[in-house]
C-alpha atoms as a PDB file:
ATOM      1  CA  MET A   1     147.549 -59.880 -95.108  1.00  0.00           C
ATOM      2  CA  THR A   2     147.523 -55.709 -94.552  1.00  0.00           C
ATOM      3  CA  ASN A   3     147.181 -53.879 -91.255  1.00  0.00           C
ATOM      4  CA  GLU A   4     143.354 -52.717 -91.672  1.00  0.00           C
ATOM      5  CA  PRO A   5     141.111 -51.876 -88.664  1.00  0.00           C
ATOM      6  CA  GLN A   6     139.276 -54.532 -87.220  1.00  0.00           C
ATOM      7  CA  PRO A   7     135.892 -53.497 -86.399  1.00  0.00           C
ATOM      8  CA  PRO A   8     135.044 -53.506 -82.525  1.00  0.00           C
ATOM      9  CA  ALA A   9     133.998 -56.517 -81.180  1.00  0.00           C
ATOM     10  CA  ALA A  10     129.718 -57.347 -80.834  1.00  0.00           C
ATOM     11  CA  SER A  11     128.725 -55.591 -76.841  1.00  0.00           C
ATOM     12  CA  ARG A  12     126.389 -57.237 -74.664  1.00  0.00           C
ATOM     13  CA  THR A  13     124.485 -55.060 -73.304  1.00  0.00           C
ATOM     14  CA  ALA A  14     121.338 -56.496 -70.424  1.00  0.00           C
ATOM     15  CA  LEU A  15     119.153 -54.702 -69.112  1.00  0.00           C
ATOM     16  CA  ALA A  16     118.335 -55.633 -65.648  1.00  0.00           C
ATOM     17  CA  PHE A  17     114.692 -55.189 -63.772  1.00  0.00           C
ATOM     18  CA  ARG A  18     114.140 -53.772 -61.167  1.00  0.00           C
ATOM     19  CA  ARG A  19     111.066 -55.044 -58.920  1.00  0.00           C
ATOM     20  CA  LEU A  20     109.149 -52.987 -56.783  1.00  0.00           C
ATOM     21  CA  ARG A  21     107.495 -55.481 -53.899  1.00  0.00           C
ATOM     22  CA  PRO A  22     104.425 -54.872 -53.210  1.00  0.00           C
ATOM     23  CA  PRO A  23     104.339 -52.689 -56.859  1.00  0.00           C
ATOM     24  CA  GLN A  24     102.854 -49.195 -55.979  1.00  0.00           C
ATOM     25  CA  GLU A  25      99.459 -47.752 -56.666  1.00  0.00           C
ATOM     26  CA  LEU A  26      99.904 -45.738 -59.835  1.00  0.00           C
ATOM     27  CA  GLU A  27      96.729 -43.500 -61.928  1.00  0.00           C
ATOM     28  CA  ILE A  28      96.976 -44.091 -65.872  1.00  0.00           C
ATOM     29  CA  ILE A  29      95.441 -42.187 -68.584  1.00  0.00           C
ATOM     30  CA  MET A  30      94.833 -43.974 -71.074  1.00  0.00           C
ATOM     31  CA  GLY A  31      94.684 -42.855 -74.911  1.00  0.00           C
ATOM     32  CA  ARG A  32      93.211 -44.592 -77.646  1.00  0.00           C
ATOM     33  CA  GLN A  33      96.777 -46.501 -78.429  1.00  0.00           C
ATOM     34  CA  GLY A  34      97.565 -47.313 -74.716  1.00  0.00           C
ATOM     35  CA  PRO A  35      99.134 -45.253 -71.724  1.00  0.00           C
ATOM     36  CA  THR A  36      99.358 -41.294 -72.473  1.00  0.00           C
ATOM     37  CA  ALA A  37     100.643 -40.092 -69.199  1.00  0.00           C
ATOM     38  CA  LEU A  38     101.286 -41.679 -65.423  1.00  0.00           C
ATOM     39  CA  ARG A  39     101.496 -40.513 -61.843  1.00  0.00           C
ATOM     40  CA  GLY A  40     102.597 -42.511 -58.809  1.00  0.00           C
ATOM     41  CA  LYS A  41     104.368 -42.082 -54.971  1.00  0.00           C
ATOM     42  CA  THR A  42     107.654 -40.681 -56.896  1.00  0.00           C
ATOM     43  CA  THR A  43     107.143 -40.078 -60.280  1.00  0.00           C
ATOM     44  CA  THR A  44     104.485 -38.292 -62.779  1.00  0.00           C
ATOM     45  CA  ALA A  45     105.094 -38.089 -66.492  1.00  0.00           C
ATOM     46  CA  ARG A  46     104.251 -38.522 -70.015  1.00  0.00           C
ATOM     47  CA  ILE A  47     104.403 -41.890 -71.688  1.00  0.00           C
ATOM     48  CA  LEU A  48     106.689 -41.385 -75.181  1.00  0.00           C
ATOM     49  CA  MET A  49     106.420 -45.321 -76.223  1.00  0.00           C
ATOM     50  CA  ALA A  50     104.386 -48.310 -74.986  1.00  0.00           C
ATOM     51  CA  ALA A  51     104.174 -51.637 -75.604  1.00  0.00           C
ATOM     52  CA  GLY A  52     102.161 -53.929 -74.266  1.00  0.00           C
ATOM     53  CA  PRO A  53      99.404 -54.827 -73.020  1.00  0.00           C
ATOM     54  CA  TYR A  54     100.817 -58.689 -71.922  1.00  0.00           C
ATOM     55  CA  ARG A  55      97.976 -60.592 -70.700  1.00  0.00           C
ATOM     56  CA  ALA A  56      98.375 -62.891 -68.141  1.00  0.00           C
ATOM     57  CA  SER A  57      95.730 -64.635 -65.098  1.00  0.00           C
ATOM     58  CA  GLY A  58      96.320 -68.283 -63.557  1.00  0.00           C
ATOM     59  CA  GLU A  59      95.557 -69.221 -59.886  1.00  0.00           C
ATOM     60  CA  TRP A  60      91.336 -69.581 -60.993  1.00  0.00           C
ATOM     61  CA  TRP A  61      92.074 -72.642 -59.014  1.00  0.00           C
ATOM     62  CA  SER A  62      93.218 -71.572 -55.715  1.00  0.00           C
ATOM     63  CA  GLY A  63      90.501 -69.308 -55.257  1.00  0.00           C
ATOM     64  CA  ALA A  64      93.167 -66.727 -55.290  1.00  0.00           C
ATOM     65  CA  ALA A  65      92.679 -66.269 -58.981  1.00  0.00           C
ATOM     66  CA  PHE A  66      94.742 -62.825 -60.746  1.00  0.00           C
ATOM     67  CA  SER A  67      93.649 -60.900 -63.794  1.00  0.00           C
ATOM     68  CA  ARG A  68      96.557 -58.787 -65.180  1.00  0.00           C
ATOM     69  CA  ASP A  69      97.057 -56.173 -68.308  1.00  0.00           C
ATOM     70  CA  TYR A  70     101.366 -55.214 -68.590  1.00  0.00           C
ATOM     71  CA  TRP A  71     102.942 -52.642 -70.240  1.00  0.00           C
ATOM     72  CA  ASP A  72     106.339 -52.170 -70.567  1.00  0.00           C
ATOM     73  CA  VAL A  73     106.508 -47.894 -70.939  1.00  0.00           C
ATOM     74  CA  HIS A  74     108.751 -45.231 -72.407  1.00  0.00           C
ATOM     75  CA  ALA A  75     108.261 -42.389 -69.601  1.00  0.00           C
ATOM     76  CA  SER A  76     109.309 -38.690 -70.771  1.00  0.00           C
ATOM     77  CA  ASP A  77     111.529 -38.992 -67.235  1.00  0.00           C
ATOM     78  CA  GLY A  78     113.523 -41.272 -68.865  1.00  0.00           C
ATOM     79  CA  ALA A  79     113.119 -44.244 -67.406  1.00  0.00           C
ATOM     80  CA  VAL A  80     111.474 -47.428 -68.931  1.00  0.00           C
ATOM     81  CA  TYR A  81     108.792 -49.248 -66.435  1.00  0.00           C
ATOM     82  CA  ARG A  82     106.462 -51.777 -65.960  1.00  0.00           C
ATOM     83  CA  VAL A  83     102.711 -51.407 -64.888  1.00  0.00           C
ATOM     84  CA  HIS A  84      99.643 -53.268 -64.737  1.00  0.00           C
ATOM     85  CA  GLN A  85      96.369 -52.886 -64.943  1.00  0.00           C
ATOM     86  CA  ASP A  86      94.340 -55.428 -62.357  1.00  0.00           C
ATOM     87  CA  GLN A  87      91.125 -56.651 -64.596  1.00  0.00           C
ATOM     88  CA  GLN A  88      89.057 -57.804 -61.371  1.00  0.00           C
ATOM     89  CA  SER A  89      89.642 -53.689 -59.708  1.00  0.00           C
ATOM     90  CA  GLY A  90      90.282 -51.942 -62.666  1.00  0.00           C
ATOM     91  CA  GLN A  91      92.947 -50.777 -61.037  1.00  0.00           C
ATOM     92  CA  TRP A  92      96.952 -50.190 -61.477  1.00  0.00           C
ATOM     93  CA  PHE A  93     100.498 -50.679 -60.462  1.00  0.00           C
ATOM     94  CA  LEU A  94     103.814 -49.576 -61.648  1.00  0.00           C
ATOM     95  CA  ASP A  95     105.894 -53.099 -60.636  1.00  0.00           C
ATOM     96  CA  GLY A  96     109.018 -52.127 -61.178  1.00  0.00           C
ATOM     97  CA  TYR A  97     112.041 -50.347 -63.662  1.00  0.00           C
ATOM     98  CA  TYR A  98     114.031 -51.187 -66.060  1.00  0.00           C
ATOM     99  CA  ASP A  99     117.684 -50.509 -65.369  1.00  0.00           C
END
């Protein structure tokens, strides 16, 4: 038996999502590959990396139907945001950020 140093135990890191209620209106500039910049009430930033769109729709039976494209974006201000575009109105919204 030797006294060799053991590698550190794997640490777990989890992200929390801080949801904004109601979502804030947002202006997004789109490029060929997705969002490239955002501007809202509290932030203006270039988008460094974007993942999406993640499409969601539902409640078509209730008269309150929705259809949205969600994106997770890493912005130049260091934050990672979740944004969505309402497919019926074309308006963009800031849903929240990862913490």
